[in-house]
């Protein structure tokens, strides 16, 4: 509903109501100081913002018809689940979800009726503040009803998974074109995911696509078998075998898309080659350039954003050289960085104790900084955070607020696997940027450059002739392990998504997510299962 005509109308209606003349102005007599146009002209001006309502009614009714079909499918799921378990909590939430679905459509019908009534009034009839207030209230009711519906469905699914997962798993599934709810409601037995992949037509649909976009960490390397049946190296070998088959298929296009800013694009291609991904002879400069062009990193998109915005002297917090080389590649060379390119180490002055003297000394050295850039800094210190926060504050105090640019929004990442076989988590780049942003109240906004940012979306959609990648979302799929970045980015682009359980997020994370933007088209234990 977010971008629909009814919502736009509600916003316009609120503005319109605020602009209406007072009672005194409306009833003024000719010759009075505050005399206004006759009633007919006043109504004509009011109706200027109401003329679009006929279009809004038509769009809203079409939306309701589409939603009705989806609701039939959801009801089948709810009814099937209710027959599979006697759990009172699950039944209660299922019934509540049903009720809110009905409330949603009643609210839609009410909105249609009110819009139609206002749009069909005769020119001589008044459109009052009260009319507009009722309309705005109906919009709010419909939106709250939609939210309540999904809250109940989320609680119902969580209760059902705990109460009777085996019973639910045995029930027949209703086939859907977009099976995000399948991942949400499905059994957590990984073998059932594989069976559904091979028998439900999903495998063929996947392989018929033309563009395959891979995340790297947790998908191609740093992988863990969710079943604990394979060692990481053995699982990785199977994954790479599947990937090489795609690379050798001339009818397919393979892109690599990572929120990791540690390496340059060329550096990542060489790293991938060490994992036995077959790029051919990388000593051939033309061949290396070809595959480097298929690699997109958060450092690369961040550098491009700085160039486009005219940022010339950023302060960059990073523990590696990758993002710095990408900045130099696009001509952003007058930067200040916590990383020393000559020594390959952190500059000692940023590793000192956080205190007044150390901050004051560094502030004097960072005059003229026009942006703060938060890379994925594995050596982040309180002094670095404090310096960035003070540079931002001083810029605000002097009336020239500089941006806080964070390479990616990830809250976490994958470090690898412990000796005992447990997954080791990293602090995500997004969590680091939020540490700086939360030094302010309200929290300072950040500009993100990795998945699922608008900057990256634009880069993917732009034609190749214009410097973009020209990805057609209708024939593309995103393969990722993180629902908050990979899967959300795929849905934002309008492409399909394959969520693999070999990295950051688990099936439980998907099941407990109440946000449809983070529901995948397909789910598999790893890319080895395609």
Protein backbone atom coordinates (compact mmCIF):
# COMPACT_ATOMS: atom_id res chain seq x y z
CA UNK A 1 0.00 0.00 0.00
CA UNK A 2 2.96 2.30 0.63
CA UNK A 3 3.04 3.94 -2.80
CA UNK A 4 -0.61 3.59 -3.73
CA UNK A 5 -2.89 6.45 -4.75
CA UNK A 6 -5.08 6.16 -1.61
CA UNK A 7 -2.08 6.77 0.65
CA UNK A 8 -0.84 9.66 -1.50
CA UNK A 9 -4.37 11.07 -1.37
CA UNK A 10 -4.43 10.86 2.42
CA UNK A 11 -1.22 12.88 2.66
CA UNK A 12 -2.57 15.47 0.23
CA UNK A 13 -5.87 15.56 2.11
CA UNK A 14 -4.11 16.38 5.39
CA UNK A 15 -2.24 19.24 3.72
CA UNK A 16 -5.48 20.38 2.10
CA UNK A 17 -7.35 20.38 5.42
CA UNK A 18 -4.64 22.53 7.00
CA UNK A 19 -4.89 25.05 4.16
CA UNK A 20 -8.68 25.50 4.35
CA UNK A 21 -9.99 28.95 5.32
CA UNK A 22 -11.26 29.52 8.83
CA UNK A 23 -14.99 29.77 9.65
CA UNK A 24 -14.73 33.56 9.75
CA UNK A 25 -13.15 33.66 6.30
CA UNK A 26 -15.79 31.35 4.87
CA UNK A 27 -18.70 33.39 6.25
CA UNK A 28 -17.26 36.87 5.56
CA UNK A 29 -19.48 39.31 3.71
CA UNK A 30 -18.43 41.30 0.62
CA UNK A 31 -16.34 44.30 1.64
CA UNK A 32 -15.00 42.67 4.82
CA UNK A 33 -11.25 42.77 5.37
CA UNK A 34 -10.99 38.98 5.13
CA UNK A 35 -13.59 38.51 2.39
CA UNK A 36 -13.06 35.38 0.26
CA UNK A 37 -14.37 34.05 -3.04
CA UNK A 38 -17.98 32.86 -3.25
CA UNK A 39 -18.83 29.37 -2.01
CA UNK A 40 -18.70 27.87 -5.50
CA UNK A 41 -15.10 28.99 -6.07
CA UNK A 42 -14.06 27.80 -2.61
CA UNK A 43 -15.49 24.36 -3.34
CA UNK A 44 -13.80 24.34 -6.73
CA UNK A 45 -10.40 24.89 -5.11
CA UNK A 46 -11.11 22.21 -2.51
CA UNK A 47 -12.11 19.71 -5.15
CA UNK A 48 -8.80 20.24 -7.00
CA UNK A 49 -7.19 17.62 -4.71
CA UNK A 50 -10.21 15.30 -4.84
CA UNK A 51 -10.34 14.90 -8.63
CA UNK A 52 -7.83 12.03 -8.52
CA UNK A 53 -10.01 9.92 -6.23
CA UNK A 54 -11.78 8.04 -9.03
CA UNK A 55 -8.41 6.67 -10.11
CA UNK A 56 -7.63 5.85 -6.47
CA UNK A 57 -10.90 3.90 -6.12
CA UNK A 58 -10.11 1.81 -9.19
CA UNK A 59 -6.57 1.06 -8.05
CA UNK A 60 -7.68 0.19 -4.53
CA UNK A 61 -10.36 -2.24 -5.75
CA UNK A 62 -7.86 -3.97 -8.02
CA UNK A 63 -5.46 -4.23 -5.08
CA UNK A 64 -8.23 -5.76 -2.96
CA UNK A 65 -8.96 -8.41 -5.62
CA UNK A 66 -5.30 -9.44 -5.76
CA UNK A 67 -5.11 -9.54 -1.98
CA UNK A 68 -8.25 -11.69 -1.83
CA UNK A 69 -6.60 -14.38 -3.96
CA UNK A 70 -3.50 -14.37 -1.75
CA UNK A 71 -5.71 -14.61 1.33
CA UNK A 72 -7.36 -17.79 0.03
CA UNK A 73 -3.92 -19.37 -0.11
CA UNK A 74 -3.03 -18.15 3.38
CA UNK A 75 -6.33 -19.48 4.74
CA UNK A 76 -5.57 -22.90 3.28
CA UNK A 77 -2.30 -22.89 5.17
CA UNK A 78 -3.99 -21.84 8.39
CA UNK A 79 -6.74 -24.45 8.06
CA UNK A 80 -4.24 -27.20 7.25
CA UNK A 81 -2.14 -26.21 10.23
CA UNK A 82 -5.14 -26.10 12.57
CA UNK A 83 -6.09 -29.63 11.60
CA UNK A 84 -2.52 -30.79 12.24
CA UNK A 85 -2.31 -29.78 15.87
CA UNK A 86 -4.40 -29.35 18.99
CA UNK A 87 -2.17 -26.60 20.36
CA UNK A 88 -4.59 -24.02 21.79
CA UNK A 89 -2.13 -21.15 21.46
CA UNK A 90 -1.58 -21.86 17.76
CA UNK A 91 -5.33 -22.17 17.11
CA UNK A 92 -5.99 -18.91 18.95
CA UNK A 93 -3.41 -17.01 16.90
CA UNK A 94 -4.71 -18.59 13.68
CA UNK A 95 -8.24 -17.41 14.45
CA UNK A 96 -6.97 -13.95 15.33
CA UNK A 97 -5.13 -13.82 12.02
CA UNK A 98 -8.32 -14.79 10.18
CA UNK A 99 -10.25 -12.07 11.99
CA UNK A 100 -7.69 -9.41 11.12
CA UNK A 101 -7.73 -10.51 7.48
CA UNK A 102 -11.48 -9.90 7.46
CA UNK A 103 -10.97 -6.55 9.21
CA UNK A 104 -8.43 -5.59 6.57
CA UNK A 105 -10.85 -6.18 3.71
CA UNK A 106 -13.68 -4.44 5.53
CA UNK A 107 -11.39 -1.44 5.93
CA UNK A 108 -10.55 -1.60 2.21
CA UNK A 109 -14.23 -1.67 1.30
CA UNK A 110 -14.95 1.25 3.62
CA UNK A 111 -12.15 3.26 2.03
CA UNK A 112 -13.49 2.45 -1.46
CA UNK A 113 -16.97 3.55 -0.45
CA UNK A 114 -15.81 6.80 1.10
CA UNK A 115 -13.55 7.64 -1.82
CA UNK A 116 -16.35 6.90 -4.26
CA UNK A 117 -18.82 9.01 -2.26
CA UNK A 118 -16.51 12.02 -2.22
CA UNK A 119 -15.54 11.63 -5.88
CA UNK A 120 -19.18 11.42 -7.03
CA UNK A 121 -20.51 14.44 -5.17
CA UNK A 122 -22.10 17.20 -7.12
CA UNK A 123 -19.98 20.37 -7.49
CA UNK A 124 -22.42 22.27 -5.28
CA UNK A 125 -21.87 19.90 -2.34
CA UNK A 126 -19.22 20.72 0.21
CA UNK A 127 -16.14 18.60 0.91
CA UNK A 128 -15.55 19.37 4.57
CA UNK A 129 -12.69 18.93 7.00
CA UNK A 130 -14.75 16.19 8.65
CA UNK A 131 -14.98 14.27 5.36
CA UNK A 132 -11.23 14.38 4.96
CA UNK A 133 -10.61 13.43 8.59
CA UNK A 134 -12.83 10.33 8.25
CA UNK A 135 -10.99 9.34 5.07
CA UNK A 136 -7.59 9.68 6.75
CA UNK A 137 -8.81 7.66 9.71
CA UNK A 138 -9.90 4.85 7.38
CA UNK A 139 -6.47 4.75 5.76
CA UNK A 140 -4.87 4.43 9.19
CA UNK A 141 -7.32 1.68 10.21
CA UNK A 142 -6.55 -0.34 7.08
CA UNK A 143 -2.80 -0.07 7.61
CA UNK A 144 -3.05 -1.07 11.29
CA UNK A 145 -5.24 -4.02 10.31
CA UNK A 146 -2.63 -5.24 7.81
CA UNK A 147 0.04 -5.02 10.52
CA UNK A 148 -2.11 -6.87 13.07
CA UNK A 149 -2.77 -9.64 10.56
CA UNK A 150 0.90 -10.42 10.03
CA UNK A 151 1.73 -10.13 13.73
CA UNK A 152 -0.85 -12.84 14.47
CA UNK A 153 0.37 -15.05 11.63
CA UNK A 154 3.95 -14.71 12.93
CA UNK A 155 2.96 -15.72 16.46
CA UNK A 156 0.83 -18.56 15.11
CA UNK A 157 3.71 -19.98 13.08
CA UNK A 158 6.15 -19.76 15.99
CA UNK A 159 3.67 -21.49 18.34
CA UNK A 160 2.92 -24.19 15.78
CA UNK A 161 6.58 -24.94 15.14
CA UNK A 162 7.07 -25.57 18.87
CA UNK A 163 3.79 -27.44 19.37
CA UNK A 164 3.66 -29.89 16.49
CA UNK A 165 6.37 -29.54 13.82
CA UNK A 166 6.10 -33.19 12.79
CA UNK A 167 2.34 -33.04 12.29
CA UNK A 168 2.62 -29.88 10.19
CA UNK A 169 5.41 -31.39 8.09
CA UNK A 170 3.17 -34.32 7.07
CA UNK A 171 0.34 -32.13 5.78
CA UNK A 172 0.06 -31.53 1.99
CA UNK A 173 1.33 -28.14 0.88
CA UNK A 174 -0.56 -25.72 -1.35
CA UNK A 175 1.68 -24.70 -4.25
CA UNK A 176 2.35 -20.98 -4.58
CA UNK A 177 4.21 -18.95 -7.19
CA UNK A 178 6.15 -17.06 -4.51
CA UNK A 179 6.94 -19.55 -1.79
CA UNK A 180 8.41 -17.23 0.84
CA UNK A 181 5.75 -18.50 3.27
CA UNK A 182 6.93 -22.03 2.54
CA UNK A 183 10.28 -21.16 4.12
CA UNK A 184 8.43 -19.41 6.91
CA UNK A 185 6.06 -22.26 7.73
CA UNK A 186 8.10 -25.23 6.62
CA UNK A 187 9.55 -28.06 8.63
CA UNK A 188 13.11 -27.48 9.75
CA UNK A 189 14.12 -30.92 8.43
CA UNK A 190 16.66 -30.10 5.76
CA UNK A 191 15.98 -33.25 3.78
CA UNK A 192 12.42 -32.03 3.16
CA UNK A 193 13.87 -28.85 1.66
CA UNK A 194 15.89 -30.94 -0.76
CA UNK A 195 12.91 -33.11 -1.67
CA UNK A 196 10.71 -30.08 -2.32
CA UNK A 197 13.49 -28.58 -4.47
CA UNK A 198 13.66 -31.63 -6.74
CA UNK A 199 9.95 -32.52 -6.89
CA UNK A 200 8.25 -29.12 -6.88
CA UNK A 201 9.67 -27.71 -10.12
CA UNK A 202 11.85 -25.22 -8.22
CA UNK A 203 15.14 -26.73 -9.44
CA UNK A 204 14.14 -26.36 -13.09
CA UNK A 205 12.91 -22.80 -12.56
CA UNK A 206 16.22 -21.93 -10.89
CA UNK A 207 18.37 -23.39 -13.67
CA UNK A 208 16.29 -21.69 -16.38
CA UNK A 209 17.39 -18.26 -15.10
CA UNK A 210 20.13 -16.28 -16.88
CA UNK A 211 21.94 -14.22 -14.21
CA UNK A 212 23.24 -15.71 -10.96
CA UNK A 213 24.43 -13.24 -8.30
CA UNK A 214 26.46 -14.74 -5.48
CA UNK A 215 27.25 -13.43 -2.04
CA UNK A 216 30.67 -14.73 -0.97
CA UNK A 217 31.15 -15.09 2.82
CA UNK A 218 28.98 -17.93 4.09
CA UNK A 219 28.00 -18.98 0.56
CA UNK A 220 31.29 -19.79 -1.21
CA UNK A 221 33.76 -19.66 1.67
CA UNK A 222 33.54 -19.67 5.47
CA UNK A 223 30.74 -22.21 5.03
CA UNK A 224 29.27 -24.52 7.67
CA UNK A 225 27.15 -27.60 7.05
CA UNK A 226 23.89 -27.03 9.00
CA UNK A 227 23.55 -30.82 9.33
CA UNK A 228 27.15 -31.18 10.66
CA UNK A 229 27.62 -34.07 8.21
CA UNK A 230 30.48 -32.52 6.20
CA UNK A 231 33.62 -30.71 7.25
CA UNK A 232 33.79 -27.11 5.98
CA UNK A 233 36.46 -27.94 3.37
CA UNK A 234 34.45 -30.87 2.00
CA UNK A 235 31.27 -28.78 1.78
CA UNK A 236 33.16 -25.93 0.12
CA UNK A 237 34.56 -28.30 -2.52
CA UNK A 238 31.03 -29.41 -3.47
CA UNK A 239 29.84 -25.80 -3.63
CA UNK A 240 32.74 -24.77 -5.88
CA UNK A 241 32.01 -27.72 -8.19
CA UNK A 242 28.45 -26.46 -8.70
CA UNK A 243 29.67 -22.88 -9.22
CA UNK A 244 32.26 -23.90 -11.83
CA UNK A 245 29.54 -25.65 -13.82
CA UNK A 246 27.68 -22.32 -14.02
CA UNK A 247 30.83 -20.40 -14.96
CA UNK A 248 31.47 -22.75 -17.88
CA UNK A 249 27.90 -22.40 -19.21
CA UNK A 250 28.10 -19.65 -21.84
CA UNK A 251 24.34 -19.05 -21.62
CA UNK A 252 24.67 -17.95 -17.97
CA UNK A 253 26.05 -14.79 -16.40
CA UNK A 254 27.68 -15.01 -12.97
CA UNK A 255 28.24 -11.97 -10.73
CA UNK A 256 29.79 -11.83 -7.26
CA UNK A 257 28.34 -9.31 -4.83
CA UNK A 258 29.87 -8.90 -1.37
CA UNK A 259 29.43 -6.45 1.51
CA UNK A 260 33.04 -7.12 2.47
CA UNK A 261 35.24 -4.05 1.89
CA UNK A 262 38.56 -5.64 2.90
CA UNK A 263 39.77 -6.40 -0.63
CA UNK A 264 39.68 -4.73 -4.03
CA UNK A 265 37.57 -6.34 -6.73
CA UNK A 266 40.69 -7.76 -8.35
CA UNK A 267 41.87 -8.99 -4.95
CA UNK A 268 38.59 -10.84 -4.39
CA UNK A 269 38.79 -12.56 -7.81
CA UNK A 270 42.30 -13.79 -6.95
CA UNK A 271 41.03 -14.93 -3.54
CA UNK A 272 38.17 -16.83 -5.17
CA UNK A 273 40.65 -18.49 -7.52
CA UNK A 274 42.58 -19.82 -4.50
CA UNK A 275 39.40 -21.69 -3.54
CA UNK A 276 39.63 -23.44 -6.95
CA UNK A 277 37.00 -21.38 -8.69
CA UNK A 278 37.92 -21.75 -12.35
CA UNK A 279 38.51 -18.31 -13.83
CA UNK A 280 41.08 -19.60 -16.29
CA UNK A 281 44.46 -17.90 -16.64
CA UNK A 282 44.43 -14.82 -14.39
CA UNK A 283 47.92 -13.84 -15.55
CA UNK A 284 46.17 -12.85 -18.77
CA UNK A 285 45.31 -9.21 -18.11
CA UNK A 286 42.25 -9.23 -20.37
CA UNK A 287 40.87 -12.33 -18.66
CA UNK A 288 41.54 -10.86 -15.20
CA UNK A 289 39.82 -7.60 -16.20
CA UNK A 290 36.81 -9.54 -17.49
CA UNK A 291 36.23 -11.34 -14.21
CA UNK A 292 37.10 -8.27 -12.13
CA UNK A 293 34.21 -6.56 -13.92
CA UNK A 294 31.90 -9.28 -12.57
CA UNK A 295 32.93 -8.58 -8.97
CA UNK A 296 31.10 -5.92 -6.94
CA UNK A 297 32.32 -5.03 -3.44
CA UNK A 298 31.06 -2.64 -0.78
CA UNK A 299 34.37 -0.78 -1.09
CA UNK A 300 33.80 -0.30 -4.83
CA UNK A 301 30.25 1.05 -4.41
CA UNK A 302 31.38 3.31 -1.54
CA UNK A 303 34.17 4.78 -3.66
CA UNK A 304 31.73 5.37 -6.51
CA UNK A 305 29.29 7.14 -4.20
CA UNK A 306 32.03 9.45 -2.90
CA UNK A 307 33.08 10.32 -6.45
CA UNK A 308 29.49 11.08 -7.49
CA UNK A 309 28.91 13.28 -4.43
CA UNK A 310 32.13 15.22 -4.87
CA UNK A 311 33.65 14.04 -1.58
CA UNK A 312 37.39 14.67 -1.68
CA UNK A 313 38.77 14.49 1.87
CA UNK A 314 37.05 11.70 3.82
CA UNK A 315 38.23 10.21 7.11
CA UNK A 316 38.24 6.44 6.53
CA UNK A 317 38.13 3.92 9.38
CA UNK A 318 39.47 0.61 8.06
CA UNK A 319 41.80 -2.23 9.00
CA UNK A 320 42.71 -3.17 5.40
CA UNK A 321 43.73 -1.48 2.16
CA UNK A 322 40.92 -2.66 -0.14
CA UNK A 323 38.60 0.33 0.14
CA UNK A 324 41.52 2.78 -0.09
CA UNK A 325 42.70 1.31 -3.42
CA UNK A 326 39.13 1.47 -4.79
CA UNK A 327 38.95 5.15 -3.76
CA UNK A 328 42.23 5.89 -5.50
CA UNK A 329 40.97 4.07 -8.60
CA UNK A 330 38.08 6.59 -8.95
CA UNK A 331 40.25 9.61 -8.10
CA UNK A 332 39.50 10.14 -4.38
CA UNK A 333 43.10 10.43 -3.19
CA UNK A 334 43.20 13.22 -0.59
CA UNK A 335 41.83 11.04 2.22
CA UNK A 336 42.85 10.48 5.83
CA UNK A 337 42.89 6.84 6.89
CA UNK A 338 43.51 4.82 10.05
CA UNK A 339 45.38 2.29 7.88
CA UNK A 340 48.95 2.87 6.66
CA UNK A 341 49.39 1.67 3.06
CA UNK A 342 53.18 1.76 3.33
CA UNK A 343 53.49 -0.47 6.42
CA UNK A 344 50.31 -2.48 5.92
CA UNK A 345 49.42 -1.84 9.57
CA UNK A 346 47.20 0.39 11.68
CA UNK A 347 48.61 3.84 12.36
CA UNK A 348 49.72 3.79 16.03
CA UNK A 349 48.14 7.15 16.89
CA UNK A 350 44.64 5.67 16.37
CA UNK A 351 45.37 2.80 18.75
CA UNK A 352 46.12 4.99 21.79
CA UNK A 353 43.97 5.48 24.89
CA UNK A 354 40.78 7.52 24.43
CA UNK A 355 41.13 10.76 26.40
CA UNK A 356 40.84 14.50 26.00
CA UNK A 357 44.46 15.01 24.95
CA UNK A 358 44.44 12.29 22.30
CA UNK A 359 41.13 13.51 20.78
CA UNK A 360 42.20 17.16 20.80
CA UNK A 361 45.50 16.36 19.08
CA UNK A 362 43.79 14.30 16.37
CA UNK A 363 41.03 16.86 15.78
CA UNK A 364 43.66 19.39 14.81
CA UNK A 365 45.08 16.97 12.23
CA UNK A 366 41.69 16.24 10.63
CA UNK A 367 40.64 19.75 9.66
CA UNK A 368 38.69 19.94 6.42
CA UNK A 369 37.32 16.40 6.52
CA UNK A 370 34.15 16.28 4.38
CA UNK A 371 32.84 12.78 5.25
CA UNK A 372 33.24 9.94 7.75
CA UNK A 373 33.58 6.54 6.06
CA UNK A 374 33.12 3.47 8.24
CA UNK A 375 34.75 0.44 6.63
CA UNK A 376 34.74 -3.08 8.08
CA UNK A 377 37.41 -2.24 10.66
CA UNK A 378 38.60 -5.27 12.66
CA UNK A 379 40.74 -2.90 14.77
CA UNK A 380 37.97 -0.50 15.75
CA UNK A 381 38.82 1.33 18.98
CA UNK A 382 37.08 3.77 21.30
CA UNK A 383 39.50 6.45 20.13
CA UNK A 384 38.47 5.97 16.47
CA UNK A 385 34.78 6.06 17.39
CA UNK A 386 35.25 9.15 19.57
CA UNK A 387 37.22 10.96 16.86
CA UNK A 388 34.57 10.23 14.21
CA UNK A 389 31.77 11.36 16.55
CA UNK A 390 33.58 14.63 17.36
CA UNK A 391 34.27 15.38 13.69
CA UNK A 392 30.58 14.89 12.96
CA UNK A 393 29.52 17.03 15.93
CA UNK A 394 31.88 19.87 15.08
CA UNK A 395 30.67 19.93 11.49
CA UNK A 396 27.07 20.21 12.73
CA UNK A 397 28.00 22.99 15.13
CA UNK A 398 29.59 24.95 12.28
CA UNK A 399 26.58 24.56 9.99
CA UNK A 400 28.09 22.12 7.48
CA UNK A 401 27.01 18.64 8.52
CA UNK A 402 29.19 16.01 6.87
CA UNK A 403 27.76 12.56 6.02
CA UNK A 404 28.38 9.30 7.85
CA UNK A 405 28.93 6.70 5.12
CA UNK A 406 28.97 3.02 6.14
CA UNK A 407 30.16 0.46 3.60
CA UNK A 408 27.47 -2.07 4.51
CA UNK A 409 24.54 -2.49 6.91
CA UNK A 410 25.40 -6.02 8.14
CA UNK A 411 24.81 -6.50 11.85
CA UNK A 412 27.03 -9.58 11.85
CA UNK A 413 29.31 -11.67 9.67
CA UNK A 414 31.14 -14.99 9.51
CA UNK A 415 34.68 -15.39 10.85
CA UNK A 416 34.90 -19.13 10.31
CA UNK A 417 34.45 -22.34 12.29
CA UNK A 418 35.88 -23.17 15.70
CA UNK A 419 37.90 -26.33 16.38
CA UNK A 420 34.78 -27.79 17.98
CA UNK A 421 32.79 -27.20 14.78
CA UNK A 422 30.78 -24.20 16.00
CA UNK A 423 30.32 -21.14 13.80
CA UNK A 424 32.26 -18.02 14.85
CA UNK A 425 30.54 -14.66 14.30
CA UNK A 426 32.08 -11.30 13.44
CA UNK A 427 30.91 -7.82 14.36
CA UNK A 428 29.20 -6.54 11.21
CA UNK A 429 30.15 -3.36 9.37
CA UNK A 430 26.66 -1.98 10.00
CA UNK A 431 26.99 -2.53 13.74
CA UNK A 432 30.23 -0.52 13.66
CA UNK A 433 28.58 2.38 11.83
CA UNK A 434 25.67 2.28 14.27
CA UNK A 435 28.13 2.59 17.16
CA UNK A 436 29.15 6.01 15.79
CA UNK A 437 25.59 7.01 14.81
CA UNK A 438 24.26 6.17 18.29
CA UNK A 439 26.59 8.74 19.84
CA UNK A 440 23.84 11.20 18.86
CA UNK A 441 20.24 11.60 20.01
CA UNK A 442 18.33 11.14 17.81
CA UNK A 443 20.61 8.62 16.15
CA UNK A 444 22.50 10.08 13.20
CA UNK A 445 21.40 8.76 9.78
CA UNK A 446 23.89 6.66 7.82
CA UNK A 447 24.41 6.25 4.08
CA UNK A 448 24.85 2.54 3.30
CA UNK A 449 26.56 1.37 0.11
CA UNK A 450 26.31 -2.43 0.20
CA UNK A 451 23.29 -4.74 0.07
CA UNK A 452 20.42 -3.77 0.30
CA UNK A 453 21.20 -0.06 -0.28
CA UNK A 454 19.68 2.17 -2.94
CA UNK A 455 23.20 2.99 -4.20
CA UNK A 456 23.83 -0.66 -5.04
CA UNK A 457 20.32 -1.12 -6.47
CA UNK A 458 20.94 1.77 -8.86
CA UNK A 459 24.30 0.29 -9.91
CA UNK A 460 22.70 -3.09 -10.67
CA UNK A 461 19.87 -1.55 -12.72
CA UNK A 462 21.88 0.96 -14.76
CA UNK A 463 22.75 -0.19 -18.31
CA UNK A 464 26.27 -1.47 -18.85
CA UNK A 465 26.89 1.36 -21.32
CA UNK A 466 26.28 3.82 -18.47
CA UNK A 467 28.68 2.12 -16.07
CA UNK A 468 26.13 -0.18 -14.42
CA UNK A 469 25.50 -3.91 -14.68
CA UNK A 470 22.22 -3.95 -16.59
CA UNK A 471 20.69 -6.77 -14.56
CA UNK A 472 17.22 -7.88 -15.67
CA UNK A 473 15.50 -8.86 -12.38
CA UNK A 474 12.99 -11.11 -14.15
CA UNK A 475 15.78 -13.52 -15.16
CA UNK A 476 18.11 -13.10 -12.16
CA UNK A 477 18.53 -14.75 -8.77
CA UNK A 478 20.46 -13.69 -5.66
CA UNK A 479 22.16 -16.51 -3.72
CA UNK A 480 22.91 -15.45 -0.14
CA UNK A 481 23.14 -16.48 3.51
CA UNK A 482 21.93 -13.26 5.18
CA UNK A 483 18.23 -12.39 5.20
CA UNK A 484 18.81 -8.77 6.26
CA UNK A 485 21.09 -8.00 3.29
CA UNK A 486 21.07 -10.67 0.55
CA UNK A 487 17.41 -11.66 0.63
CA UNK A 488 16.10 -8.16 1.32
CA UNK A 489 18.22 -6.84 -1.57
CA UNK A 490 16.80 -9.48 -3.92
CA UNK A 491 13.23 -8.55 -2.98
CA UNK A 492 14.06 -4.86 -3.33
CA UNK A 493 15.36 -5.50 -6.86
CA UNK A 494 12.33 -7.65 -7.74
CA UNK A 495 14.43 -10.74 -8.43
CA UNK A 496 14.23 -14.29 -7.07
CA UNK A 497 16.37 -15.38 -4.13
CA UNK A 498 17.96 -18.58 -2.85
CA UNK A 499 18.61 -18.53 0.90
CA UNK A 500 21.37 -20.98 1.89
CA UNK A 501 21.83 -22.09 5.50
CA UNK A 502 25.63 -22.42 5.32
CA UNK A 503 26.42 -18.95 6.66
CA UNK A 504 25.11 -16.17 8.92
CA UNK A 505 21.38 -16.88 9.25
CA UNK A 506 19.55 -20.08 10.14
CA UNK A 507 16.14 -21.52 9.31
CA UNK A 508 15.00 -20.30 12.73
CA UNK A 509 15.91 -16.72 11.74
CA UNK A 510 13.76 -17.03 8.63
CA UNK A 511 10.89 -18.59 10.57
CA UNK A 512 10.91 -15.88 13.22
CA UNK A 513 11.16 -13.00 10.76
CA UNK A 514 7.86 -11.17 10.45
CA UNK A 515 9.20 -9.01 7.61
CA UNK A 516 8.17 -10.24 4.12
CA UNK A 517 11.14 -8.36 2.64
CA UNK A 518 13.33 -11.03 4.26
CA UNK A 519 11.46 -14.07 2.97
CA UNK A 520 13.29 -15.98 0.26
CA UNK A 521 11.91 -17.57 -2.89
CA UNK A 522 13.76 -20.81 -2.12
CA UNK A 523 15.69 -22.27 0.82
CA UNK A 524 18.42 -24.95 0.70
CA UNK A 525 21.03 -26.19 3.19
CA UNK A 526 23.83 -24.95 0.90
CA UNK A 527 24.58 -24.19 -2.75
CA UNK A 528 25.91 -27.73 -3.03
CA UNK A 529 22.26 -28.87 -3.06
CA UNK A 530 21.21 -27.04 -6.24
